[in-house]
Amino acid sequence: MGTVDPKVARPKSNWAQIISAFGGIVALLGISLQLYLTSRNAQEVSARQVYMSYSEASLRYPKFAWPNYEKMKSAEDQTDFNQYKTFVGHMLFAYDEILKINEPDWRDAFDYDLSIHMKYLCDENDPRFYKMFYKRTRDLLAEEKKAHCQKG
């Protein structure tokens, strides 16, 4: 076989090939952007749905949304207290989903709602309770507990 003559130049690409390649890159970027926006929109819809569920529970059970924690905790009948613990879990599950979209306004809502339930969360030290949530939510809860809970 013969060797390639270095003096023979490689043929130059024509404009049609360049434009075609550029068009392909633009199309791939467009598809990627559309997939991202579709995913983001689905997350936002999901966040709104779970927040509406939590909001409905707050309206239906105001004694859990704005609790008299000490009274429920010390009551002889623990039914309300157990329902309250479930209510707080529901709230945290809602925010677990909501916080995935990483919007500052949602974080403000989380901080506000969390402040109402810190007495319970400071008392709740079962690690299995916190393992139910995403790492980001667990980290935020740990920060809040560190800042607001008395050390034994």
N, C-alpha and C. Protein backbone atom coordinates (compact mmCIF):
# COMPACT_ATOMS: atom_id res chain seq x y z
N MET A 1 0.82 -1.16 0.00
CA MET A 1 0.00 0.00 0.00
C MET A 1 0.88 1.24 0.00
N GLY A 2 0.35 2.27 -0.54
CA GLY A 2 1.10 3.51 -0.63
C GLY A 2 0.90 4.36 0.60
N THR A 3 1.77 5.31 0.76
CA THR A 3 1.65 6.24 1.87
C THR A 3 0.88 7.47 1.42
N VAL A 4 0.33 8.16 2.37
CA VAL A 4 -0.43 9.37 2.07
C VAL A 4 0.56 10.50 1.85
N ASP A 5 0.39 11.19 0.78
CA ASP A 5 1.27 12.30 0.46
C ASP A 5 0.88 13.49 1.31
N PRO A 6 1.77 13.97 2.20
CA PRO A 6 1.43 15.09 3.08
C PRO A 6 1.18 16.36 2.31
N LYS A 7 1.60 16.44 1.07
CA LYS A 7 1.39 17.64 0.30
C LYS A 7 -0.04 17.75 -0.23
N VAL A 8 -0.72 16.60 -0.26
CA VAL A 8 -2.11 16.62 -0.74
C VAL A 8 -2.99 17.03 0.44
N ALA A 9 -3.62 18.16 0.31
CA ALA A 9 -4.45 18.70 1.40
C ALA A 9 -5.78 17.94 1.49
N ARG A 10 -6.23 17.84 2.68
CA ARG A 10 -7.55 17.26 2.94
C ARG A 10 -8.58 18.20 2.35
N PRO A 11 -9.62 17.66 1.75
CA PRO A 11 -10.63 18.56 1.18
C PRO A 11 -11.30 19.38 2.27
N LYS A 12 -11.54 20.63 2.00
CA LYS A 12 -12.18 21.52 2.96
C LYS A 12 -13.67 21.21 3.02
N SER A 13 -14.23 21.35 4.25
CA SER A 13 -15.66 21.12 4.42
C SER A 13 -16.42 22.20 3.68
N ASN A 14 -17.52 21.80 3.12
CA ASN A 14 -18.32 22.82 2.47
C ASN A 14 -19.29 23.43 3.47
N TRP A 15 -19.86 24.55 3.10
CA TRP A 15 -20.75 25.28 4.00
C TRP A 15 -21.98 24.46 4.38
N ALA A 16 -22.44 23.63 3.51
CA ALA A 16 -23.63 22.81 3.81
C ALA A 16 -23.34 21.87 4.98
N GLN A 17 -22.15 21.29 5.00
CA GLN A 17 -21.78 20.40 6.10
C GLN A 17 -21.66 21.17 7.41
N ILE A 18 -21.08 22.35 7.36
CA ILE A 18 -20.90 23.16 8.56
C ILE A 18 -22.26 23.57 9.12
N ILE A 19 -23.13 24.06 8.24
CA ILE A 19 -24.46 24.48 8.69
C ILE A 19 -25.24 23.29 9.22
N SER A 20 -25.13 22.16 8.58
CA SER A 20 -25.83 20.95 9.03
C SER A 20 -25.35 20.53 10.42
N ALA A 21 -24.04 20.55 10.64
CA ALA A 21 -23.50 20.19 11.95
C ALA A 21 -23.96 21.19 13.01
N PHE A 22 -23.91 22.48 12.68
CA PHE A 22 -24.35 23.51 13.62
C PHE A 22 -25.84 23.35 13.93
N GLY A 23 -26.63 23.06 12.90
CA GLY A 23 -28.07 22.84 13.09
C GLY A 23 -28.33 21.65 14.00
N GLY A 24 -27.55 20.60 13.85
CA GLY A 24 -27.70 19.42 14.71
C GLY A 24 -27.40 19.74 16.16
N ILE A 25 -26.37 20.54 16.39
CA ILE A 25 -26.01 20.94 17.76
C ILE A 25 -27.13 21.79 18.36
N VAL A 26 -27.64 22.74 17.58
CA VAL A 26 -28.74 23.59 18.06
C VAL A 26 -29.97 22.73 18.38
N ALA A 27 -30.27 21.76 17.53
CA ALA A 27 -31.43 20.88 17.76
C ALA A 27 -31.25 20.08 19.05
N LEU A 28 -30.06 19.55 19.28
CA LEU A 28 -29.79 18.81 20.52
C LEU A 28 -29.94 19.71 21.75
N LEU A 29 -29.43 20.91 21.65
CA LEU A 29 -29.58 21.85 22.77
C LEU A 29 -31.05 22.18 23.01
N GLY A 30 -31.80 22.36 21.93
CA GLY A 30 -33.23 22.64 22.06
C GLY A 30 -33.99 21.50 22.71
N ILE A 31 -33.67 20.28 22.30
CA ILE A 31 -34.31 19.09 22.90
C ILE A 31 -33.95 19.00 24.38
N SER A 32 -32.69 19.22 24.71
CA SER A 32 -32.26 19.17 26.12
C SER A 32 -32.99 20.22 26.95
N LEU A 33 -33.11 21.42 26.42
CA LEU A 33 -33.82 22.48 27.14
C LEU A 33 -35.28 22.12 27.32
N GLN A 34 -35.90 21.59 26.29
CA GLN A 34 -37.31 21.21 26.40
C GLN A 34 -37.51 20.11 27.43
N LEU A 35 -36.63 19.13 27.47
CA LEU A 35 -36.72 18.06 28.48
C LEU A 35 -36.56 18.63 29.89
N TYR A 36 -35.61 19.54 30.05
CA TYR A 36 -35.39 20.16 31.35
C TYR A 36 -36.63 20.93 31.79
N LEU A 37 -37.18 21.74 30.88
CA LEU A 37 -38.36 22.56 31.23
C LEU A 37 -39.58 21.69 31.52
N THR A 38 -39.73 20.60 30.80
CA THR A 38 -40.85 19.68 31.07
C THR A 38 -40.70 19.04 32.44
N SER A 39 -39.48 18.63 32.76
CA SER A 39 -39.22 18.03 34.08
C SER A 39 -39.45 19.05 35.19
N ARG A 40 -38.97 20.24 34.99
CA ARG A 40 -39.13 21.32 35.98
C ARG A 40 -40.61 21.64 36.19
N ASN A 41 -41.35 21.71 35.10
CA ASN A 41 -42.78 22.00 35.19
C ASN A 41 -43.50 20.89 35.97
N ALA A 42 -43.15 19.64 35.71
CA ALA A 42 -43.76 18.52 36.43
C ALA A 42 -43.45 18.60 37.92
N GLN A 43 -42.22 18.97 38.27
CA GLN A 43 -41.86 19.11 39.69
C GLN A 43 -42.66 20.24 40.34
N GLU A 44 -42.83 21.35 39.63
CA GLU A 44 -43.59 22.47 40.18
C GLU A 44 -45.05 22.10 40.39
N VAL A 45 -45.63 21.38 39.44
CA VAL A 45 -47.02 20.94 39.56
C VAL A 45 -47.16 20.00 40.76
N SER A 46 -46.22 19.08 40.89
CA SER A 46 -46.24 18.15 42.02
C SER A 46 -46.11 18.90 43.34
N ALA A 47 -45.22 19.87 43.39
CA ALA A 47 -45.03 20.66 44.61
C ALA A 47 -46.31 21.39 44.99
N ARG A 48 -46.97 21.98 44.01
CA ARG A 48 -48.22 22.70 44.30
C ARG A 48 -49.30 21.73 44.79
N GLN A 49 -49.36 20.55 44.20
CA GLN A 49 -50.37 19.57 44.61
C GLN A 49 -50.15 19.12 46.06
N VAL A 50 -48.93 18.80 46.41
CA VAL A 50 -48.69 18.34 47.78
C VAL A 50 -48.87 19.49 48.77
N TYR A 51 -48.55 20.72 48.35
CA TYR A 51 -48.77 21.85 49.23
C TYR A 51 -50.26 22.09 49.44
N MET A 52 -51.04 21.93 48.38
CA MET A 52 -52.49 22.08 48.52
C MET A 52 -53.06 21.01 49.45
N SER A 53 -52.54 19.82 49.38
CA SER A 53 -52.98 18.75 50.28
C SER A 53 -52.66 19.12 51.74
N TYR A 54 -51.46 19.61 51.95
CA TYR A 54 -51.06 20.04 53.29
C TYR A 54 -51.91 21.23 53.75
N SER A 55 -52.15 22.19 52.87
CA SER A 55 -52.97 23.36 53.21
C SER A 55 -54.40 22.94 53.57
N GLU A 56 -54.93 22.00 52.81
CA GLU A 56 -56.28 21.50 53.11
C GLU A 56 -56.31 20.84 54.49
N ALA A 57 -55.28 20.08 54.82
CA ALA A 57 -55.21 19.45 56.14
C ALA A 57 -55.12 20.51 57.23
N SER A 58 -54.41 21.61 56.96
CA SER A 58 -54.30 22.70 57.94
C SER A 58 -55.66 23.35 58.19
N LEU A 59 -56.43 23.51 57.13
CA LEU A 59 -57.77 24.10 57.28
C LEU A 59 -58.73 23.14 57.98
N ARG A 60 -58.60 21.88 57.67
CA ARG A 60 -59.49 20.88 58.25
C ARG A 60 -59.16 20.60 59.72
N TYR A 61 -57.90 20.70 60.08
CA TYR A 61 -57.45 20.38 61.44
C TYR A 61 -56.60 21.52 62.01
N PRO A 62 -57.21 22.67 62.26
CA PRO A 62 -56.43 23.81 62.76
C PRO A 62 -55.75 23.53 64.10
N LYS A 63 -56.31 22.61 64.89
CA LYS A 63 -55.67 22.32 66.18
C LYS A 63 -54.32 21.64 66.00
N PHE A 64 -54.07 21.08 64.82
CA PHE A 64 -52.76 20.49 64.54
C PHE A 64 -51.86 21.48 63.82
N ALA A 65 -52.46 22.36 63.01
CA ALA A 65 -51.68 23.36 62.29
C ALA A 65 -51.10 24.40 63.25
N TRP A 66 -51.87 24.74 64.29
CA TRP A 66 -51.43 25.69 65.33
C TRP A 66 -51.70 25.04 66.68
N PRO A 67 -50.83 24.11 67.06
CA PRO A 67 -51.12 23.22 68.20
C PRO A 67 -50.87 23.84 69.58
N ASN A 68 -51.60 23.30 70.53
CA ASN A 68 -51.26 23.48 71.94
C ASN A 68 -50.48 22.20 72.28
N TYR A 69 -49.21 22.23 71.96
CA TYR A 69 -48.38 21.03 72.01
C TYR A 69 -48.34 20.40 73.40
N GLU A 70 -48.09 21.20 74.41
CA GLU A 70 -47.97 20.66 75.76
C GLU A 70 -49.27 19.99 76.21
N LYS A 71 -50.39 20.60 75.87
CA LYS A 71 -51.68 20.02 76.26
C LYS A 71 -51.91 18.68 75.55
N MET A 72 -51.63 18.62 74.26
CA MET A 72 -51.81 17.36 73.52
C MET A 72 -50.85 16.29 74.02
N LYS A 73 -49.62 16.69 74.27
CA LYS A 73 -48.60 15.73 74.69
C LYS A 73 -48.92 15.12 76.06
N SER A 74 -49.48 15.92 76.94
CA SER A 74 -49.74 15.44 78.30
C SER A 74 -51.15 14.90 78.50
N ALA A 75 -51.99 14.93 77.49
CA ALA A 75 -53.37 14.45 77.63
C ALA A 75 -53.39 12.95 77.91
N GLU A 76 -54.36 12.56 78.68
CA GLU A 76 -54.52 11.14 79.00
C GLU A 76 -54.83 10.35 77.72
N ASP A 77 -55.74 10.88 76.92
CA ASP A 77 -56.07 10.26 75.63
C ASP A 77 -55.08 10.80 74.60
N GLN A 78 -54.26 9.94 74.07
CA GLN A 78 -53.20 10.34 73.15
C GLN A 78 -53.63 10.37 71.68
N THR A 79 -54.93 10.25 71.42
CA THR A 79 -55.42 10.24 70.04
C THR A 79 -55.02 11.51 69.30
N ASP A 80 -55.31 12.68 69.88
CA ASP A 80 -54.95 13.94 69.23
C ASP A 80 -53.45 14.05 69.03
N PHE A 81 -52.68 13.63 70.02
CA PHE A 81 -51.23 13.73 69.91
C PHE A 81 -50.72 12.85 68.78
N ASN A 82 -51.25 11.65 68.66
CA ASN A 82 -50.82 10.76 67.58
C ASN A 82 -51.25 11.31 66.22
N GLN A 83 -52.43 11.89 66.14
CA GLN A 83 -52.86 12.52 64.89
C GLN A 83 -51.98 13.73 64.57
N TYR A 84 -51.60 14.46 65.59
CA TYR A 84 -50.71 15.61 65.39
C TYR A 84 -49.37 15.16 64.82
N LYS A 85 -48.81 14.08 65.35
CA LYS A 85 -47.53 13.59 64.83
C LYS A 85 -47.66 13.21 63.36
N THR A 86 -48.79 12.63 63.00
CA THR A 86 -49.04 12.29 61.60
C THR A 86 -49.18 13.55 60.75
N PHE A 87 -49.83 14.57 61.30
CA PHE A 87 -49.98 15.85 60.60
C PHE A 87 -48.60 16.45 60.31
N VAL A 88 -47.72 16.46 61.28
CA VAL A 88 -46.37 17.02 61.08
C VAL A 88 -45.62 16.19 60.04
N GLY A 89 -45.77 14.88 60.08
CA GLY A 89 -45.15 14.04 59.06
C GLY A 89 -45.67 14.38 57.68
N HIS A 90 -46.98 14.62 57.58
CA HIS A 90 -47.59 15.02 56.30
C HIS A 90 -47.01 16.35 55.82
N MET A 91 -46.87 17.28 56.73
CA MET A 91 -46.28 18.58 56.39
C MET A 91 -44.86 18.39 55.86
N LEU A 92 -44.07 17.59 56.54
CA LEU A 92 -42.68 17.38 56.13
C LEU A 92 -42.59 16.64 54.80
N PHE A 93 -43.49 15.68 54.57
CA PHE A 93 -43.51 15.01 53.27
C PHE A 93 -43.83 16.01 52.16
N ALA A 94 -44.77 16.91 52.42
CA ALA A 94 -45.11 17.92 51.42
C ALA A 94 -43.89 18.79 51.13
N TYR A 95 -43.25 19.28 52.17
CA TYR A 95 -42.07 20.12 51.94
C TYR A 95 -40.90 19.34 51.37
N ASP A 96 -40.84 18.06 51.66
CA ASP A 96 -39.80 17.22 51.07
C ASP A 96 -39.89 17.29 49.54
N GLU A 97 -41.09 17.19 49.03
CA GLU A 97 -41.32 17.28 47.58
C GLU A 97 -41.12 18.70 47.07
N ILE A 98 -41.62 19.67 47.81
CA ILE A 98 -41.56 21.07 47.42
C ILE A 98 -40.12 21.57 47.35
N LEU A 99 -39.31 21.21 48.31
CA LEU A 99 -37.94 21.73 48.38
C LEU A 99 -37.04 21.19 47.26
N LYS A 100 -37.51 20.17 46.55
CA LYS A 100 -36.72 19.66 45.42
C LYS A 100 -36.60 20.71 44.32
N ILE A 101 -37.55 21.64 44.22
CA ILE A 101 -37.48 22.63 43.15
C ILE A 101 -36.60 23.82 43.51
N ASN A 102 -36.17 23.90 44.75
CA ASN A 102 -35.16 24.88 45.16
C ASN A 102 -35.53 26.33 44.86
N GLU A 103 -36.72 26.73 45.29
CA GLU A 103 -37.18 28.11 45.14
C GLU A 103 -37.13 28.78 46.51
N PRO A 104 -36.53 29.96 46.62
CA PRO A 104 -36.41 30.64 47.92
C PRO A 104 -37.75 30.89 48.62
N ASP A 105 -38.80 31.18 47.85
CA ASP A 105 -40.10 31.42 48.48
C ASP A 105 -40.62 30.19 49.21
N TRP A 106 -40.39 29.02 48.64
CA TRP A 106 -40.82 27.79 49.31
C TRP A 106 -40.01 27.56 50.59
N ARG A 107 -38.75 27.91 50.55
CA ARG A 107 -37.91 27.75 51.74
C ARG A 107 -38.41 28.65 52.86
N ASP A 108 -38.86 29.86 52.52
CA ASP A 108 -39.42 30.76 53.52
C ASP A 108 -40.68 30.16 54.14
N ALA A 109 -41.54 29.58 53.31
CA ALA A 109 -42.77 28.94 53.81
C ALA A 109 -42.41 27.77 54.73
N PHE A 110 -41.42 26.99 54.32
CA PHE A 110 -40.96 25.85 55.13
C PHE A 110 -40.48 26.33 56.50
N ASP A 111 -39.64 27.36 56.51
CA ASP A 111 -39.12 27.88 57.77
C ASP A 111 -40.24 28.36 58.68
N TYR A 112 -41.22 29.03 58.10
CA TYR A 112 -42.35 29.53 58.90
C TYR A 112 -43.15 28.37 59.50
N ASP A 113 -43.54 27.43 58.65
CA ASP A 113 -44.34 26.30 59.15
C ASP A 113 -43.55 25.45 60.14
N LEU A 114 -42.28 25.29 59.89
CA LEU A 114 -41.44 24.50 60.77
C LEU A 114 -41.38 25.12 62.17
N SER A 115 -41.32 26.44 62.22
CA SER A 115 -41.21 27.13 63.51
C SER A 115 -42.40 26.82 64.42
N ILE A 116 -43.55 26.59 63.85
CA ILE A 116 -44.76 26.30 64.63
C ILE A 116 -44.65 24.93 65.30
N HIS A 117 -43.89 24.03 64.72
CA HIS A 117 -43.83 22.64 65.20
C HIS A 117 -42.49 22.25 65.82
N MET A 118 -41.67 23.24 66.14
CA MET A 118 -40.34 22.92 66.65
C MET A 118 -40.38 22.21 68.00
N LYS A 119 -41.35 22.49 68.85
CA LYS A 119 -41.40 21.78 70.14
C LYS A 119 -41.50 20.28 69.91
N TYR A 120 -42.38 19.90 69.01
CA TYR A 120 -42.51 18.47 68.70
C TYR A 120 -41.22 17.93 68.07
N LEU A 121 -40.70 18.65 67.09
CA LEU A 121 -39.51 18.17 66.39
C LEU A 121 -38.30 18.09 67.32
N CYS A 122 -38.24 18.97 68.30
CA CYS A 122 -37.15 18.88 69.28
C CYS A 122 -37.30 17.63 70.15
N ASP A 123 -38.54 17.24 70.42
CA ASP A 123 -38.78 16.03 71.22
C ASP A 123 -38.62 14.75 70.40
N GLU A 124 -38.87 14.84 69.11
CA GLU A 124 -38.82 13.65 68.25
C GLU A 124 -37.37 13.33 67.89
N ASN A 125 -36.84 12.32 68.55
CA ASN A 125 -35.44 11.97 68.33
C ASN A 125 -35.24 10.58 67.74
N ASP A 126 -36.32 9.97 67.26
CA ASP A 126 -36.20 8.66 66.63
C ASP A 126 -35.62 8.84 65.22
N PRO A 127 -34.42 8.33 64.97
CA PRO A 127 -33.80 8.52 63.65
C PRO A 127 -34.64 7.94 62.51
N ARG A 128 -35.46 6.93 62.81
CA ARG A 128 -36.31 6.35 61.76
C ARG A 128 -37.32 7.36 61.24
N PHE A 129 -37.76 8.28 62.10
CA PHE A 129 -38.70 9.32 61.67
C PHE A 129 -38.04 10.20 60.61
N TYR A 130 -36.82 10.59 60.82
CA TYR A 130 -36.13 11.51 59.91
C TYR A 130 -35.63 10.82 58.64
N LYS A 131 -35.38 9.51 58.72
CA LYS A 131 -34.91 8.78 57.54
C LYS A 131 -35.95 8.71 56.43
N MET A 132 -37.20 9.05 56.74
CA MET A 132 -38.26 9.00 55.73
C MET A 132 -38.11 10.10 54.68
N PHE A 133 -37.30 11.12 54.97
CA PHE A 133 -37.25 12.29 54.12
C PHE A 133 -35.95 12.32 53.31
N TYR A 134 -35.98 13.13 52.24
CA TYR A 134 -34.78 13.31 51.43
C TYR A 134 -33.67 13.95 52.25
N LYS A 135 -32.46 13.76 51.81
CA LYS A 135 -31.30 14.27 52.53
C LYS A 135 -31.38 15.78 52.75
N ARG A 136 -31.79 16.51 51.74
CA ARG A 136 -31.87 17.97 51.89
C ARG A 136 -32.81 18.34 53.03
N THR A 137 -33.96 17.71 53.09
CA THR A 137 -34.92 17.99 54.16
C THR A 137 -34.34 17.59 55.51
N ARG A 138 -33.70 16.43 55.56
CA ARG A 138 -33.08 15.99 56.82
C ARG A 138 -32.02 16.99 57.28
N ASP A 139 -31.22 17.48 56.33
CA ASP A 139 -30.19 18.46 56.68
C ASP A 139 -30.80 19.76 57.22
N LEU A 140 -31.86 20.23 56.57
CA LEU A 140 -32.53 21.45 57.04
C LEU A 140 -33.14 21.24 58.42
N LEU A 141 -33.74 20.09 58.64
CA LEU A 141 -34.31 19.79 59.96
C LEU A 141 -33.21 19.73 61.02
N ALA A 142 -32.10 19.12 60.68
CA ALA A 142 -30.98 19.04 61.63
C ALA A 142 -30.46 20.43 61.98
N GLU A 143 -30.36 21.32 60.98
CA GLU A 143 -29.94 22.70 61.24
C GLU A 143 -30.90 23.40 62.19
N GLU A 144 -32.19 23.26 61.93
CA GLU A 144 -33.20 23.91 62.76
C GLU A 144 -33.20 23.35 64.18
N LYS A 145 -33.06 22.04 64.29
CA LYS A 145 -33.00 21.43 65.63
C LYS A 145 -31.78 21.92 66.39
N LYS A 146 -30.67 22.02 65.70
CA LYS A 146 -29.44 22.49 66.35
C LYS A 146 -29.61 23.92 66.84
N ALA A 147 -30.31 24.74 66.05
CA ALA A 147 -30.48 26.15 66.40
C ALA A 147 -31.56 26.38 67.47
N HIS A 148 -32.57 25.51 67.54
CA HIS A 148 -33.72 25.81 68.40
C HIS A 148 -33.98 24.84 69.54
N CYS A 149 -33.35 23.70 69.56
CA CYS A 149 -33.65 22.72 70.59
C CYS A 149 -32.64 22.83 71.74
N GLN A 150 -33.17 22.74 72.95
CA GLN A 150 -32.32 22.76 74.14
C GLN A 150 -31.47 21.50 74.16
N LYS A 151 -30.27 21.65 74.58
CA LYS A 151 -29.40 20.49 74.73
C LYS A 151 -29.61 19.92 76.13
N GLY A 152 -29.79 18.57 76.15
CA GLY A 152 -30.10 17.88 77.39
C GLY A 152 -29.12 18.08 78.42
